[in-house]
Amino acid sequence: MYGQDPFGSNPFFNQGQKKKESFDKNKYKLSPNEIAVITALLTKALTVQSILIDREQTVQILLEGSLKKRSELDKLIDEIRDVPIGDFIASLLNQK
C-alpha cells in the first residue's frame, strides 16, 4: 500500500506518537569545580600542558595556569618574544 512502511503502518502518522525521552536535569549537573575548570579553559586562565593516554585507555589531561596577575612587563615580553634580538635592539636605539 502507498505510504506504509514494511511493517504495514504509516510512518508519517505515528511521528507525533513516539515516546519522547524525558529530560533528566540531574544527568547534566556540573559541580562547582567542573564549572571553574571550564571557565578557566574558556578564558585562557588555564591551558592544556599535555594529554596522556595509557594502555587501558585512561586519559589524563594536565592543565597549567597561574594565579598571579600578569604585570605589564609580562605582557610586553609576550608581545616581543618572537622579534629577532637585532630588530629589538635597533628599535631601542632608534627611539628618541
PDB file of N, CA and C in Angstrom:
ATOM      1  N   MET A   1       0.835  -1.189   0.000  1.00  0.00           N
ATOM      2  CA  MET A   1       0.000   0.000   0.000  1.00  0.00           C
ATOM      3  C   MET A   1       0.871   1.240   0.000  1.00  0.00           C
ATOM      4  N   TYR A   2       0.306   2.288  -0.480  1.00  0.00           N
ATOM      5  CA  TYR A   2       1.014   3.555  -0.559  1.00  0.00           C
ATOM      6  C   TYR A   2       1.116   4.191   0.823  1.00  0.00           C
ATOM      7  N   GLY A   3       2.338   4.676   1.172  1.00  0.00           N
ATOM      8  CA  GLY A   3       2.528   5.399   2.427  1.00  0.00           C
ATOM      9  C   GLY A   3       2.714   4.513   3.633  1.00  0.00           C
ATOM     10  N   GLN A   4       3.000   3.243   3.423  1.00  0.00           N
ATOM     11  CA  GLN A   4       3.207   2.358   4.559  1.00  0.00           C
ATOM     12  C   GLN A   4       4.642   1.857   4.579  1.00  0.00           C
ATOM     13  N   ASP A   5       5.139   1.596   5.772  1.00  0.00           N
ATOM     14  CA  ASP A   5       6.466   1.015   5.882  1.00  0.00           C
ATOM     15  C   ASP A   5       6.360  -0.505   5.728  1.00  0.00           C
ATOM     16  N   PRO A   6       7.462  -1.244   5.725  1.00  0.00           N
ATOM     17  CA  PRO A   6       7.395  -2.698   5.521  1.00  0.00           C
ATOM     18  C   PRO A   6       6.555  -3.435   6.563  1.00  0.00           C
ATOM     19  N   PHE A   7       6.281  -2.827   7.711  1.00  0.00           N
ATOM     20  CA  PHE A   7       5.507  -3.494   8.745  1.00  0.00           C
ATOM     21  C   PHE A   7       4.018  -3.180   8.641  1.00  0.00           C
ATOM     22  N   GLY A   8       3.602  -2.428   7.629  1.00  0.00           N
ATOM     23  CA  GLY A   8       2.192  -2.160   7.398  1.00  0.00           C
ATOM     24  C   GLY A   8       1.648  -0.929   8.093  1.00  0.00           C
ATOM     25  N   SER A   9       2.494  -0.137   8.738  1.00  0.00           N
ATOM     26  CA  SER A   9       1.993   1.080   9.384  1.00  0.00           C
ATOM     27  C   SER A   9       2.494   2.295   8.622  1.00  0.00           C
ATOM     28  N   ASN A  10       1.813   3.388   8.786  1.00  0.00           N
ATOM     29  CA  ASN A  10       2.174   4.632   8.123  1.00  0.00           C
ATOM     30  C   ASN A  10       3.180   5.367   9.005  1.00  0.00           C
ATOM     31  N   PRO A  11       4.450   5.530   8.546  1.00  0.00           N
ATOM     32  CA  PRO A  11       5.455   6.170   9.396  1.00  0.00           C
ATOM     33  C   PRO A  11       5.158   7.638   9.665  1.00  0.00           C
ATOM     34  N   PHE A  12       4.420   8.311   8.779  1.00  0.00           N
ATOM     35  CA  PHE A  12       4.114   9.726   8.978  1.00  0.00           C
ATOM     36  C   PHE A  12       3.013   9.907  10.014  1.00  0.00           C
ATOM     37  N   PHE A  13       2.115   8.937  10.111  1.00  0.00           N
ATOM     38  CA  PHE A  13       1.009   9.022  11.053  1.00  0.00           C
ATOM     39  C   PHE A  13       1.495   8.864  12.495  1.00  0.00           C
ATOM     40  N   ASN A  14       2.533   8.056  12.714  1.00  0.00           N
ATOM     41  CA  ASN A  14       2.991   7.743  14.063  1.00  0.00           C
ATOM     42  C   ASN A  14       4.091   8.666  14.565  1.00  0.00           C
ATOM     43  N   GLN A  15       4.486   9.670  13.793  1.00  0.00           N
ATOM     44  CA  GLN A  15       5.603  10.509  14.213  1.00  0.00           C
ATOM     45  C   GLN A  15       5.349  11.231  15.525  1.00  0.00           C
ATOM     46  N   GLY A  16       4.194  11.805  15.694  1.00  0.00           N
ATOM     47  CA  GLY A  16       3.900  12.559  16.908  1.00  0.00           C
ATOM     48  C   GLY A  16       3.618  11.674  18.101  1.00  0.00           C
ATOM     49  N   GLN A  17       3.399  10.385  17.882  1.00  0.00           N
ATOM     50  CA  GLN A  17       3.032   9.487  18.959  1.00  0.00           C
ATOM     51  C   GLN A  17       4.219   8.726  19.538  1.00  0.00           C
ATOM     52  N   LYS A  18       5.413   8.938  18.993  1.00  0.00           N
ATOM     53  CA  LYS A  18       6.586   8.250  19.522  1.00  0.00           C
ATOM     54  C   LYS A  18       6.865   8.724  20.941  1.00  0.00           C
ATOM     55  N   LYS A  19       7.330   7.808  21.756  1.00  0.00           N
ATOM     56  CA  LYS A  19       7.637   8.150  23.140  1.00  0.00           C
ATOM     57  C   LYS A  19       8.868   9.060  23.163  1.00  0.00           C
ATOM     58  N   LYS A  20       8.725  10.211  23.768  1.00  0.00           N
ATOM     59  CA  LYS A  20       9.829  11.160  23.867  1.00  0.00           C
ATOM     60  C   LYS A  20      10.601  10.889  25.144  1.00  0.00           C
ATOM     61  N   GLU A  21      11.936  11.025  25.058  1.00  0.00           N
ATOM     62  CA  GLU A  21      12.764  10.857  26.243  1.00  0.00           C
ATOM     63  C   GLU A  21      12.565  12.057  27.159  1.00  0.00           C
ATOM     64  N   SER A  22      12.422  11.790  28.434  1.00  0.00           N
ATOM     65  CA  SER A  22      12.273  12.888  29.375  1.00  0.00           C
ATOM     66  C   SER A  22      13.654  13.481  29.664  1.00  0.00           C
ATOM     67  N   PHE A  23      13.692  14.767  29.869  1.00  0.00           N
ATOM     68  CA  PHE A  23      14.939  15.467  30.153  1.00  0.00           C
ATOM     69  C   PHE A  23      15.281  15.283  31.620  1.00  0.00           C
ATOM     70  N   ASP A  24      16.437  14.716  31.884  1.00  0.00           N
ATOM     71  CA  ASP A  24      16.896  14.489  33.253  1.00  0.00           C
ATOM     72  C   ASP A  24      17.934  15.548  33.588  1.00  0.00           C
ATOM     73  N   LYS A  25      17.533  16.583  34.321  1.00  0.00           N
ATOM     74  CA  LYS A  25      18.465  17.670  34.605  1.00  0.00           C
ATOM     75  C   LYS A  25      19.569  17.249  35.566  1.00  0.00           C
ATOM     76  N   ASN A  26      19.382  16.200  36.343  1.00  0.00           N
ATOM     77  CA  ASN A  26      20.446  15.711  37.219  1.00  0.00           C
ATOM     78  C   ASN A  26      21.566  15.058  36.423  1.00  0.00           C
ATOM     79  N   LYS A  27      21.254  14.583  35.229  1.00  0.00           N
ATOM     80  CA  LYS A  27      22.252  13.943  34.382  1.00  0.00           C
ATOM     81  C   LYS A  27      23.298  14.958  33.912  1.00  0.00           C
ATOM     82  N   TYR A  28      22.919  16.212  33.767  1.00  0.00           N
ATOM     83  CA  TYR A  28      23.804  17.252  33.243  1.00  0.00           C
ATOM     84  C   TYR A  28      24.243  18.243  34.315  1.00  0.00           C
ATOM     85  N   LYS A  29      24.144  17.874  35.563  1.00  0.00           N
ATOM     86  CA  LYS A  29      24.511  18.773  36.647  1.00  0.00           C
ATOM     87  C   LYS A  29      26.035  18.827  36.771  1.00  0.00           C
ATOM     88  N   LEU A  30      26.600  20.036  36.838  1.00  0.00           N
ATOM     89  CA  LEU A  30      28.042  20.232  36.970  1.00  0.00           C
ATOM     90  C   LEU A  30      28.368  20.681  38.389  1.00  0.00           C
ATOM     91  N   SER A  31      29.489  20.184  38.890  1.00  0.00           N
ATOM     92  CA  SER A  31      29.944  20.605  40.216  1.00  0.00           C
ATOM     93  C   SER A  31      30.610  21.977  40.102  1.00  0.00           C
ATOM     94  N   PRO A  32      30.758  22.678  41.210  1.00  0.00           N
ATOM     95  CA  PRO A  32      31.463  23.966  41.166  1.00  0.00           C
ATOM     96  C   PRO A  32      32.890  23.836  40.621  1.00  0.00           C
ATOM     97  N   ASN A  33      33.575  22.729  40.948  1.00  0.00           N
ATOM     98  CA  ASN A  33      34.934  22.532  40.422  1.00  0.00           C
ATOM     99  C   ASN A  33      34.924  22.376  38.903  1.00  0.00           C
ATOM    100  N   GLU A  34      33.960  21.641  38.376  1.00  0.00           N
ATOM    101  CA  GLU A  34      33.862  21.462  36.932  1.00  0.00           C
ATOM    102  C   GLU A  34      33.559  22.783  36.236  1.00  0.00           C
ATOM    103  N   ILE A  35      32.687  23.579  36.822  1.00  0.00           N
ATOM    104  CA  ILE A  35      32.364  24.895  36.263  1.00  0.00           C
ATOM    105  C   ILE A  35      33.596  25.797  36.280  1.00  0.00           C
ATOM    106  N   ALA A  36      34.387  25.742  37.366  1.00  0.00           N
ATOM    107  CA  ALA A  36      35.594  26.564  37.474  1.00  0.00           C
ATOM    108  C   ALA A  36      36.615  26.169  36.416  1.00  0.00           C
ATOM    109  N   VAL A  37      36.793  24.870  36.186  1.00  0.00           N
ATOM    110  CA  VAL A  37      37.761  24.415  35.182  1.00  0.00           C
ATOM    111  C   VAL A  37      37.300  24.816  33.787  1.00  0.00           C
ATOM    112  N   ILE A  38      36.033  24.649  33.480  1.00  0.00           N
ATOM    113  CA  ILE A  38      35.511  25.027  32.165  1.00  0.00           C
ATOM    114  C   ILE A  38      35.686  26.526  31.938  1.00  0.00           C
ATOM    115  N   THR A  39      35.367  27.318  32.950  1.00  0.00           N
ATOM    116  CA  THR A  39      35.517  28.778  32.844  1.00  0.00           C
ATOM    117  C   THR A  39      36.981  29.164  32.651  1.00  0.00           C
ATOM    118  N   ALA A  40      37.864  28.526  33.395  1.00  0.00           N
ATOM    119  CA  ALA A  40      39.299  28.835  33.272  1.00  0.00           C
ATOM    120  C   ALA A  40      39.820  28.464  31.890  1.00  0.00           C
ATOM    121  N   LEU A  41      39.341  27.366  31.316  1.00  0.00           N
ATOM    122  CA  LEU A  41      39.760  26.994  29.964  1.00  0.00           C
ATOM    123  C   LEU A  41      39.225  27.978  28.927  1.00  0.00           C
ATOM    124  N   LEU A  42      37.972  28.378  29.075  1.00  0.00           N
ATOM    125  CA  LEU A  42      37.370  29.298  28.107  1.00  0.00           C
ATOM    126  C   LEU A  42      37.999  30.688  28.161  1.00  0.00           C
ATOM    127  N   THR A  43      38.429  31.120  29.332  1.00  0.00           N
ATOM    128  CA  THR A  43      39.046  32.446  29.469  1.00  0.00           C
ATOM    129  C   THR A  43      40.560  32.404  29.319  1.00  0.00           C
ATOM    130  N   LYS A  44      41.098  31.220  29.026  1.00  0.00           N
ATOM    131  CA  LYS A  44      42.530  31.002  28.815  1.00  0.00           C
ATOM    132  C   LYS A  44      43.359  31.253  30.071  1.00  0.00           C
ATOM    133  N   ALA A  45      42.727  31.160  31.251  1.00  0.00           N
ATOM    134  CA  ALA A  45      43.471  31.211  32.503  1.00  0.00           C
ATOM    135  C   ALA A  45      44.194  29.886  32.720  1.00  0.00           C
ATOM    136  N   LEU A  46      43.658  28.816  32.170  1.00  0.00           N
ATOM    137  CA  LEU A  46      44.308  27.511  32.167  1.00  0.00           C
ATOM    138  C   LEU A  46      44.528  27.075  30.730  1.00  0.00           C
ATOM    139  N   THR A  47      45.660  26.436  30.493  1.00  0.00           N
ATOM    140  CA  THR A  47      45.934  25.875  29.171  1.00  0.00           C
ATOM    141  C   THR A  47      46.291  24.403  29.333  1.00  0.00           C
ATOM    142  N   VAL A  48      46.106  23.643  28.270  1.00  0.00           N
ATOM    143  CA  VAL A  48      46.428  22.219  28.297  1.00  0.00           C
ATOM    144  C   VAL A  48      47.934  22.065  28.124  1.00  0.00           C
ATOM    145  N   GLN A  49      48.584  21.477  29.119  1.00  0.00           N
ATOM    146  CA  GLN A  49      50.022  21.228  29.065  1.00  0.00           C
ATOM    147  C   GLN A  49      50.299  19.929  28.315  1.00  0.00           C
ATOM    148  N   SER A  50      49.548  18.874  28.630  1.00  0.00           N
ATOM    149  CA  SER A  50      49.737  17.596  27.946  1.00  0.00           C
ATOM    150  C   SER A  50      48.495  16.727  28.105  1.00  0.00           C
ATOM    151  N   ILE A  51      48.373  15.775  27.192  1.00  0.00           N
ATOM    152  CA  ILE A  51      47.307  14.779  27.236  1.00  0.00           C
ATOM    153  C   ILE A  51      47.978  13.412  27.180  1.00  0.00           C
ATOM    154  N   LEU A  52      47.713  12.581  28.174  1.00  0.00           N
ATOM    155  CA  LEU A  52      48.310  11.254  28.255  1.00  0.00           C
ATOM    156  C   LEU A  52      47.222  10.194  28.157  1.00  0.00           C
ATOM    157  N   ILE A  53      47.473   9.164  27.357  1.00  0.00           N
ATOM    158  CA  ILE A  53      46.552   8.041  27.233  1.00  0.00           C
ATOM    159  C   ILE A  53      47.368   6.774  27.457  1.00  0.00           C
ATOM    160  N   ASP A  54      46.985   5.976  28.456  1.00  0.00           N
ATOM    161  CA  ASP A  54      47.754   4.764  28.736  1.00  0.00           C
ATOM    162  C   ASP A  54      47.146   3.554  28.028  1.00  0.00           C
ATOM    163  N   ARG A  55      47.695   2.384  28.301  1.00  0.00           N
ATOM    164  CA  ARG A  55      47.276   1.156  27.606  1.00  0.00           C
ATOM    165  C   ARG A  55      45.819   0.799  27.877  1.00  0.00           C
ATOM    166  N   GLU A  56      45.342   1.127  29.048  1.00  0.00           N
ATOM    167  CA  GLU A  56      43.939   0.838  29.385  1.00  0.00           C
ATOM    168  C   GLU A  56      43.004   1.945  28.890  1.00  0.00           C
ATOM    169  N   GLN A  57      43.527   2.843  28.099  1.00  0.00           N
ATOM    170  CA  GLN A  57      42.816   3.991  27.526  1.00  0.00           C
ATOM    171  C   GLN A  57      42.291   4.944  28.591  1.00  0.00           C
ATOM    172  N   THR A  58      43.026   5.048  29.676  1.00  0.00           N
ATOM    173  CA  THR A  58      42.737   6.059  30.682  1.00  0.00           C
ATOM    174  C   THR A  58      43.345   7.374  30.201  1.00  0.00           C
ATOM    175  N   VAL A  59      42.570   8.425  30.233  1.00  0.00           N
ATOM    176  CA  VAL A  59      43.021   9.727  29.733  1.00  0.00           C
ATOM    177  C   VAL A  59      43.343  10.632  30.917  1.00  0.00           C
ATOM    178  N   GLN A  60      44.518  11.237  30.885  1.00  0.00           N
ATOM    179  CA  GLN A  60      44.918  12.237  31.872  1.00  0.00           C
ATOM    180  C   GLN A  60      45.245  13.517  31.124  1.00  0.00           C
ATOM    181  N   ILE A  61      44.642  14.614  31.571  1.00  0.00           N
ATOM    182  CA  ILE A  61      44.886  15.914  30.950  1.00  0.00           C
ATOM    183  C   ILE A  61      45.527  16.816  31.996  1.00  0.00           C
ATOM    184  N   LEU A  62      46.737  17.283  31.704  1.00  0.00           N
ATOM    185  CA  LEU A  62      47.458  18.164  32.621  1.00  0.00           C
ATOM    186  C   LEU A  62      47.205  19.607  32.195  1.00  0.00           C
ATOM    187  N   LEU A  63      46.635  20.385  33.113  1.00  0.00           N
ATOM    188  CA  LEU A  63      46.349  21.794  32.854  1.00  0.00           C
ATOM    189  C   LEU A  63      47.370  22.655  33.581  1.00  0.00           C
ATOM    190  N   GLU A  64      47.664  23.814  33.001  1.00  0.00           N
ATOM    191  CA  GLU A  64      48.655  24.706  33.588  1.00  0.00           C
ATOM    192  C   GLU A  64      48.108  26.125  33.574  1.00  0.00           C
ATOM    193  N   GLY A  65      48.372  26.857  34.646  1.00  0.00           N
ATOM    194  CA  GLY A  65      47.949  28.243  34.724  1.00  0.00           C
ATOM    195  C   GLY A  65      48.626  28.908  35.909  1.00  0.00           C
ATOM    196  N   SER A  66      48.383  30.190  36.052  1.00  0.00           N
ATOM    197  CA  SER A  66      48.982  30.951  37.128  1.00  0.00           C
ATOM    198  C   SER A  66      47.902  31.738  37.854  1.00  0.00           C
ATOM    199  N   LEU A  67      48.055  31.835  39.160  1.00  0.00           N
ATOM    200  CA  LEU A  67      47.098  32.602  39.952  1.00  0.00           C
ATOM    201  C   LEU A  67      47.507  34.060  40.121  1.00  0.00           C
ATOM    202  N   LYS A  68      48.778  34.354  39.784  1.00  0.00           N
ATOM    203  CA  LYS A  68      49.226  35.740  39.953  1.00  0.00           C
ATOM    204  C   LYS A  68      48.772  36.581  38.753  1.00  0.00           C
ATOM    205  N   LYS A  69      48.551  37.841  39.033  1.00  0.00           N
ATOM    206  CA  LYS A  69      48.138  38.760  37.977  1.00  0.00           C
ATOM    207  C   LYS A  69      49.355  39.110  37.136  1.00  0.00           C
ATOM    208  N   ARG A  70      49.172  39.106  35.838  1.00  0.00           N
ATOM    209  CA  ARG A  70      50.287  39.400  34.933  1.00  0.00           C
ATOM    210  C   ARG A  70      50.608  40.882  34.951  1.00  0.00           C
ATOM    211  N   SER A  71      51.894  41.178  35.047  1.00  0.00           N
ATOM    212  CA  SER A  71      52.333  42.571  35.067  1.00  0.00           C
ATOM    213  C   SER A  71      52.428  43.094  33.627  1.00  0.00           C
ATOM    214  N   GLU A  72      52.626  44.381  33.509  1.00  0.00           N
ATOM    215  CA  GLU A  72      52.794  44.983  32.185  1.00  0.00           C
ATOM    216  C   GLU A  72      54.050  44.439  31.507  1.00  0.00           C
ATOM    217  N   LEU A  73      55.099  44.173  32.308  1.00  0.00           N
ATOM    218  CA  LEU A  73      56.335  43.622  31.758  1.00  0.00           C
ATOM    219  C   LEU A  73      56.090  42.231  31.164  1.00  0.00           C
ATOM    220  N   ASP A  74      55.306  41.399  31.859  1.00  0.00           N
ATOM    221  CA  ASP A  74      54.978  40.066  31.333  1.00  0.00           C
ATOM    222  C   ASP A  74      54.247  40.169  29.994  1.00  0.00           C
ATOM    223  N   LYS A  75      53.319  41.114  29.904  1.00  0.00           N
ATOM    224  CA  LYS A  75      52.570  41.297  28.654  1.00  0.00           C
ATOM    225  C   LYS A  75      53.495  41.776  27.534  1.00  0.00           C
ATOM    226  N   LEU A  76      54.414  42.692  27.876  1.00  0.00           N
ATOM    227  CA  LEU A  76      55.361  43.208  26.885  1.00  0.00           C
ATOM    228  C   LEU A  76      56.289  42.098  26.392  1.00  0.00           C
ATOM    229  N   ILE A  77      56.762  41.275  27.308  1.00  0.00           N
ATOM    230  CA  ILE A  77      57.650  40.165  26.927  1.00  0.00           C
ATOM    231  C   ILE A  77      56.910  39.195  26.002  1.00  0.00           C
ATOM    232  N   ASP A  78      55.654  38.919  26.274  1.00  0.00           N
ATOM    233  CA  ASP A  78      54.875  38.039  25.393  1.00  0.00           C
ATOM    234  C   ASP A  78      54.744  38.618  23.992  1.00  0.00           C
ATOM    235  N   GLU A  79      54.602  39.949  23.902  1.00  0.00           N
ATOM    236  CA  GLU A  79      54.448  40.587  22.593  1.00  0.00           C
ATOM    237  C   GLU A  79      55.738  40.558  21.775  1.00  0.00           C
ATOM    238  N   ILE A  80      56.892  40.707  22.440  1.00  0.00           N
ATOM    239  CA  ILE A  80      58.158  40.797  21.696  1.00  0.00           C
ATOM    240  C   ILE A  80      58.939  39.486  21.692  1.00  0.00           C
ATOM    241  N   ARG A  81      58.361  38.436  22.183  1.00  0.00           N
ATOM    242  CA  ARG A  81      59.051  37.152  22.302  1.00  0.00           C
ATOM    243  C   ARG A  81      59.582  36.648  20.964  1.00  0.00           C
ATOM    244  N   ASP A  82      58.850  36.826  19.874  1.00  0.00           N
ATOM    245  CA  ASP A  82      59.246  36.291  18.572  1.00  0.00           C
ATOM    246  C   ASP A  82      60.010  37.299  17.705  1.00  0.00           C
ATOM    247  N   VAL A  83      60.272  38.496  18.229  1.00  0.00           N
ATOM    248  CA  VAL A  83      61.010  39.505  17.467  1.00  0.00           C
ATOM    249  C   VAL A  83      62.505  39.167  17.543  1.00  0.00           C
ATOM    250  N   PRO A  84      63.193  39.144  16.412  1.00  0.00           N
ATOM    251  CA  PRO A  84      64.639  38.893  16.456  1.00  0.00           C
ATOM    252  C   PRO A  84      65.344  39.941  17.322  1.00  0.00           C
ATOM    253  N   ILE A  85      66.360  39.497  18.071  1.00  0.00           N
ATOM    254  CA  ILE A  85      67.029  40.373  19.035  1.00  0.00           C
ATOM    255  C   ILE A  85      67.668  41.591  18.360  1.00  0.00           C
ATOM    256  N   GLY A  86      68.187  41.408  17.133  1.00  0.00           N
ATOM    257  CA  GLY A  86      68.783  42.530  16.407  1.00  0.00           C
ATOM    258  C   GLY A  86      67.756  43.607  16.105  1.00  0.00           C
ATOM    259  N   ASP A  87      66.566  43.211  15.683  1.00  0.00           N
ATOM    260  CA  ASP A  87      65.487  44.174  15.408  1.00  0.00           C
ATOM    261  C   ASP A  87      65.056  44.887  16.686  1.00  0.00           C
ATOM    262  N   PHE A  88      65.022  44.138  17.792  1.00  0.00           N
ATOM    263  CA  PHE A  88      64.614  44.729  19.061  1.00  0.00           C
ATOM    264  C   PHE A  88      65.613  45.792  19.525  1.00  0.00           C
ATOM    265  N   ILE A  89      66.911  45.475  19.439  1.00  0.00           N
ATOM    266  CA  ILE A  89      67.930  46.451  19.870  1.00  0.00           C
ATOM    267  C   ILE A  89      67.937  47.670  18.946  1.00  0.00           C
ATOM    268  N   ALA A  90      67.778  47.431  17.646  1.00  0.00           N
ATOM    269  CA  ALA A  90      67.738  48.552  16.689  1.00  0.00           C
ATOM    270  C   ALA A  90      66.557  49.471  16.992  1.00  0.00           C
ATOM    271  N   SER A  91      65.422  48.890  17.344  1.00  0.00           N
ATOM    272  CA  SER A  91      64.257  49.748  17.659  1.00  0.00           C
ATOM    273  C   SER A  91      64.474  50.518  18.938  1.00  0.00           C
ATOM    274  N   LEU A  92      65.221  49.953  19.905  1.00  0.00           N
ATOM    275  CA  LEU A  92      65.514  50.700  21.135  1.00  0.00           C
ATOM    276  C   LEU A  92      66.494  51.839  20.863  1.00  0.00           C
ATOM    277  N   LEU A  93      67.500  51.620  19.999  1.00  0.00           N
ATOM    278  CA  LEU A  93      68.496  52.634  19.705  1.00  0.00           C
ATOM    279  C   LEU A  93      67.931  53.760  18.850  1.00  0.00           C
ATOM    280  N   ASN A  94      66.971  53.468  17.986  1.00  0.00           N
ATOM    281  CA  ASN A  94      66.381  54.481  17.121  1.00  0.00           C
ATOM    282  C   ASN A  94      65.293  55.285  17.795  1.00  0.00           C
ATOM    283  N   GLN A  95      64.893  54.865  18.977  1.00  0.00           N
ATOM    284  CA  GLN A  95      63.806  55.543  19.686  1.00  0.00           C
ATOM    285  C   GLN A  95      64.354  56.749  20.436  1.00  0.00           C
ATOM    286  N   LYS A  96      63.861  57.951  20.116  1.00  0.00           N
ATOM    287  CA  LYS A  96      64.349  59.170  20.782  1.00  0.00           C
ATOM    288  C   LYS A  96      63.207  60.025  21.230  1.00  0.00           C
TER     289      LYS A  96
END
